[in-house]
Amino acid sequence: MRCISLLQPWATLLASGPQNGGKGKETRPRGCAFKNYRGTVLIHASKGFSKFQRQLCETEPFKTALAEAGFNSPDDLVLGAIIGR
């Protein structure tokens, strides 16, 4: 099984899925280890959470998407753990 590590709030938005206002896909500008992989991928929220990322959580459309996923504050987001698949 493979794992992708993302910064918050993108990790939570990908884990929540498009049905809850989140992301449906993760794209990369270059090839990565998932190019030909078919199967379950775990989503890891990295420990880093900069001031910019916290501010981003309070702007639209991030604020609404996170609220739909059940996160009303940047402090609610999980860091340094597997949060979905």
N, C-alpha and C. Protein backbone atom coordinates (compact mmCIF):
# COMPACT_ATOMS: atom_id res chain seq x y z
N MET A 1 0.85 -1.17 0.00
CA MET A 1 0.00 0.00 0.00
C MET A 1 0.90 1.23 0.00
N ARG A 2 0.50 2.25 -0.71
CA ARG A 2 1.28 3.48 -0.80
C ARG A 2 0.62 4.59 0.01
N CYS A 3 1.41 5.63 0.29
CA CYS A 3 0.95 6.76 1.08
C CYS A 3 1.43 8.05 0.44
N ILE A 4 0.57 9.06 0.43
CA ILE A 4 0.95 10.37 -0.07
C ILE A 4 0.86 11.35 1.09
N SER A 5 1.88 12.15 1.26
CA SER A 5 1.92 13.13 2.35
C SER A 5 1.63 14.51 1.78
N LEU A 6 0.65 15.18 2.36
CA LEU A 6 0.23 16.50 1.91
C LEU A 6 0.20 17.46 3.08
N LEU A 7 0.33 18.74 2.78
CA LEU A 7 0.18 19.78 3.80
C LEU A 7 -1.30 20.02 4.04
N GLN A 8 -1.61 20.54 5.23
CA GLN A 8 -2.98 20.97 5.50
C GLN A 8 -3.17 22.33 4.85
N PRO A 9 -4.31 22.70 4.36
CA PRO A 9 -5.60 22.03 4.41
C PRO A 9 -5.85 21.06 3.26
N TRP A 10 -4.87 20.93 2.34
CA TRP A 10 -5.08 20.09 1.16
C TRP A 10 -5.27 18.62 1.52
N ALA A 11 -4.58 18.14 2.55
CA ALA A 11 -4.73 16.74 2.96
C ALA A 11 -6.17 16.45 3.39
N THR A 12 -6.73 17.31 4.20
CA THR A 12 -8.10 17.12 4.67
C THR A 12 -9.10 17.24 3.53
N LEU A 13 -8.87 18.19 2.63
CA LEU A 13 -9.79 18.36 1.50
C LEU A 13 -9.76 17.15 0.57
N LEU A 14 -8.60 16.55 0.38
CA LEU A 14 -8.52 15.34 -0.45
C LEU A 14 -9.18 14.16 0.26
N ALA A 15 -8.93 14.03 1.57
CA ALA A 15 -9.51 12.92 2.34
C ALA A 15 -11.03 13.03 2.44
N SER A 16 -11.57 14.26 2.50
CA SER A 16 -13.02 14.43 2.63
C SER A 16 -13.75 14.13 1.33
N GLY A 17 -13.06 14.30 0.20
CA GLY A 17 -13.66 13.97 -1.08
C GLY A 17 -14.58 15.04 -1.63
N PRO A 18 -14.87 14.98 -2.92
CA PRO A 18 -15.69 16.00 -3.56
C PRO A 18 -17.14 16.02 -3.08
N GLN A 19 -17.64 14.90 -2.57
CA GLN A 19 -19.02 14.87 -2.09
C GLN A 19 -19.21 15.75 -0.86
N ASN A 20 -18.11 16.09 -0.15
CA ASN A 20 -18.18 16.95 1.03
C ASN A 20 -17.52 18.30 0.79
N GLY A 21 -17.42 18.72 -0.45
CA GLY A 21 -16.84 20.01 -0.77
C GLY A 21 -15.33 19.99 -0.91
N GLY A 22 -14.72 18.83 -0.84
CA GLY A 22 -13.26 18.71 -0.92
C GLY A 22 -12.77 18.45 -2.33
N LYS A 23 -11.52 18.00 -2.41
CA LYS A 23 -10.88 17.71 -3.69
C LYS A 23 -11.22 16.31 -4.15
N GLY A 24 -11.31 16.13 -5.44
CA GLY A 24 -11.54 14.81 -5.99
C GLY A 24 -10.27 14.16 -6.51
N LYS A 25 -9.26 14.98 -6.81
CA LYS A 25 -8.01 14.47 -7.38
C LYS A 25 -6.84 15.27 -6.85
N GLU A 26 -5.69 14.62 -6.82
CA GLU A 26 -4.43 15.29 -6.51
C GLU A 26 -3.57 15.22 -7.76
N THR A 27 -3.06 16.35 -8.20
CA THR A 27 -2.22 16.38 -9.39
C THR A 27 -0.82 16.81 -9.01
N ARG A 28 0.15 16.34 -9.76
CA ARG A 28 1.56 16.66 -9.55
C ARG A 28 2.14 17.18 -10.86
N PRO A 29 3.06 18.16 -10.79
CA PRO A 29 3.63 18.72 -12.02
C PRO A 29 4.59 17.78 -12.75
N ARG A 30 5.07 16.76 -12.06
CA ARG A 30 5.99 15.82 -12.69
C ARG A 30 5.61 14.40 -12.28
N GLY A 31 6.23 13.42 -12.89
CA GLY A 31 5.96 12.03 -12.56
C GLY A 31 6.27 11.72 -11.10
N CYS A 32 5.56 10.77 -10.54
CA CYS A 32 5.81 10.37 -9.15
C CYS A 32 5.62 8.86 -9.04
N ALA A 33 5.76 8.34 -7.85
CA ALA A 33 5.70 6.90 -7.62
C ALA A 33 4.32 6.30 -7.90
N PHE A 34 3.32 7.12 -8.11
CA PHE A 34 1.96 6.63 -8.32
C PHE A 34 1.58 6.55 -9.79
N LYS A 35 2.51 6.84 -10.68
CA LYS A 35 2.20 6.92 -12.10
C LYS A 35 1.47 5.68 -12.63
N ASN A 36 1.96 4.51 -12.32
CA ASN A 36 1.33 3.27 -12.81
C ASN A 36 0.72 2.45 -11.69
N TYR A 37 0.55 3.04 -10.52
CA TYR A 37 0.03 2.31 -9.37
C TYR A 37 -1.50 2.30 -9.39
N ARG A 38 -2.07 1.14 -9.14
CA ARG A 38 -3.52 1.00 -9.03
C ARG A 38 -3.81 0.30 -7.72
N GLY A 39 -4.49 0.95 -6.84
CA GLY A 39 -4.80 0.37 -5.54
C GLY A 39 -5.04 1.47 -4.51
N THR A 40 -5.17 1.06 -3.29
CA THR A 40 -5.45 1.99 -2.19
C THR A 40 -4.24 2.86 -1.89
N VAL A 41 -4.48 4.15 -1.68
CA VAL A 41 -3.43 5.10 -1.30
C VAL A 41 -3.87 5.78 -0.01
N LEU A 42 -3.02 5.74 1.00
CA LEU A 42 -3.31 6.42 2.27
C LEU A 42 -2.96 7.90 2.15
N ILE A 43 -3.70 8.74 2.85
CA ILE A 43 -3.47 10.18 2.84
C ILE A 43 -2.90 10.58 4.20
N HIS A 44 -1.70 11.14 4.19
CA HIS A 44 -1.00 11.56 5.40
C HIS A 44 -0.98 13.08 5.46
N ALA A 45 -1.36 13.64 6.61
CA ALA A 45 -1.26 15.08 6.83
C ALA A 45 0.09 15.35 7.49
N SER A 46 0.94 16.11 6.84
CA SER A 46 2.27 16.37 7.39
C SER A 46 2.18 17.27 8.63
N LYS A 47 3.28 17.32 9.38
CA LYS A 47 3.29 18.10 10.62
C LYS A 47 3.39 19.60 10.37
N GLY A 48 3.95 19.98 9.23
CA GLY A 48 4.11 21.40 8.94
C GLY A 48 2.77 22.10 8.73
N PHE A 49 2.63 23.27 9.36
CA PHE A 49 1.39 24.05 9.21
C PHE A 49 1.75 25.52 9.39
N SER A 50 2.10 26.17 8.28
CA SER A 50 2.60 27.54 8.31
C SER A 50 1.49 28.56 8.56
N LYS A 51 1.91 29.79 8.82
CA LYS A 51 0.98 30.89 9.02
C LYS A 51 0.12 31.10 7.76
N PHE A 52 0.75 30.98 6.59
CA PHE A 52 0.03 31.12 5.33
C PHE A 52 -1.07 30.06 5.21
N GLN A 53 -0.75 28.82 5.55
CA GLN A 53 -1.74 27.75 5.46
C GLN A 53 -2.89 27.98 6.44
N ARG A 54 -2.59 28.46 7.64
CA ARG A 54 -3.65 28.77 8.61
C ARG A 54 -4.57 29.87 8.07
N GLN A 55 -3.98 30.90 7.49
CA GLN A 55 -4.78 31.99 6.92
C GLN A 55 -5.62 31.50 5.74
N LEU A 56 -5.06 30.60 4.96
CA LEU A 56 -5.78 30.04 3.82
C LEU A 56 -7.06 29.33 4.26
N CYS A 57 -7.01 28.69 5.42
CA CYS A 57 -8.19 27.98 5.96
C CYS A 57 -9.34 28.93 6.27
N GLU A 58 -9.02 30.21 6.45
CA GLU A 58 -10.05 31.20 6.79
C GLU A 58 -10.58 31.95 5.57
N THR A 59 -10.09 31.62 4.37
CA THR A 59 -10.54 32.28 3.16
C THR A 59 -11.41 31.32 2.34
N GLU A 60 -12.23 31.91 1.47
CA GLU A 60 -13.07 31.11 0.58
C GLU A 60 -12.27 30.66 -0.61
N PRO A 61 -12.50 29.52 -1.16
CA PRO A 61 -13.52 28.53 -0.86
C PRO A 61 -13.09 27.51 0.20
N PHE A 62 -11.87 27.66 0.74
CA PHE A 62 -11.37 26.70 1.72
C PHE A 62 -12.23 26.64 2.98
N LYS A 63 -12.64 27.81 3.49
CA LYS A 63 -13.42 27.86 4.73
C LYS A 63 -14.72 27.06 4.61
N THR A 64 -15.44 27.26 3.53
CA THR A 64 -16.70 26.54 3.32
C THR A 64 -16.46 25.05 3.13
N ALA A 65 -15.47 24.68 2.34
CA ALA A 65 -15.18 23.26 2.10
C ALA A 65 -14.78 22.55 3.39
N LEU A 66 -13.96 23.19 4.20
CA LEU A 66 -13.56 22.58 5.48
C LEU A 66 -14.74 22.48 6.44
N ALA A 67 -15.61 23.49 6.44
CA ALA A 67 -16.80 23.45 7.31
C ALA A 67 -17.73 22.31 6.90
N GLU A 68 -17.89 22.08 5.60
CA GLU A 68 -18.72 20.97 5.11
C GLU A 68 -18.14 19.62 5.52
N ALA A 69 -16.82 19.57 5.69
CA ALA A 69 -16.16 18.33 6.12
C ALA A 69 -16.12 18.21 7.64
N GLY A 70 -16.65 19.22 8.36
CA GLY A 70 -16.73 19.17 9.82
C GLY A 70 -15.60 19.86 10.56
N PHE A 71 -14.84 20.70 9.86
CA PHE A 71 -13.72 21.41 10.48
C PHE A 71 -14.00 22.90 10.46
N ASN A 72 -14.26 23.49 11.62
CA ASN A 72 -14.63 24.90 11.70
C ASN A 72 -13.48 25.82 12.03
N SER A 73 -12.33 25.27 12.39
CA SER A 73 -11.18 26.07 12.76
C SER A 73 -9.91 25.37 12.27
N PRO A 74 -8.87 26.14 11.91
CA PRO A 74 -7.60 25.51 11.53
C PRO A 74 -7.04 24.63 12.65
N ASP A 75 -7.36 24.95 13.89
CA ASP A 75 -6.89 24.16 15.03
C ASP A 75 -7.52 22.77 15.08
N ASP A 76 -8.62 22.56 14.37
CA ASP A 76 -9.29 21.26 14.33
C ASP A 76 -8.58 20.25 13.40
N LEU A 77 -7.74 20.74 12.51
CA LEU A 77 -7.10 19.87 11.52
C LEU A 77 -6.01 19.01 12.16
N VAL A 78 -5.97 17.76 11.77
CA VAL A 78 -5.01 16.80 12.29
C VAL A 78 -3.67 17.00 11.58
N LEU A 79 -2.58 16.91 12.35
CA LEU A 79 -1.24 17.03 11.79
C LEU A 79 -0.42 15.80 12.14
N GLY A 80 0.44 15.39 11.22
CA GLY A 80 1.35 14.28 11.49
C GLY A 80 0.71 12.93 11.64
N ALA A 81 -0.31 12.64 10.84
CA ALA A 81 -1.02 11.35 10.96
C ALA A 81 -1.67 10.98 9.63
N ILE A 82 -2.00 9.69 9.52
CA ILE A 82 -2.80 9.21 8.38
C ILE A 82 -4.24 9.64 8.65
N ILE A 83 -4.85 10.33 7.69
CA ILE A 83 -6.21 10.84 7.92
C ILE A 83 -7.25 10.27 6.97
N GLY A 84 -6.83 9.47 6.03
CA GLY A 84 -7.81 8.89 5.10
C GLY A 84 -7.15 7.98 4.09
N ARG A 85 -8.00 7.47 3.17
CA ARG A 85 -7.48 6.65 2.10
C ARG A 85 -8.26 6.89 0.84
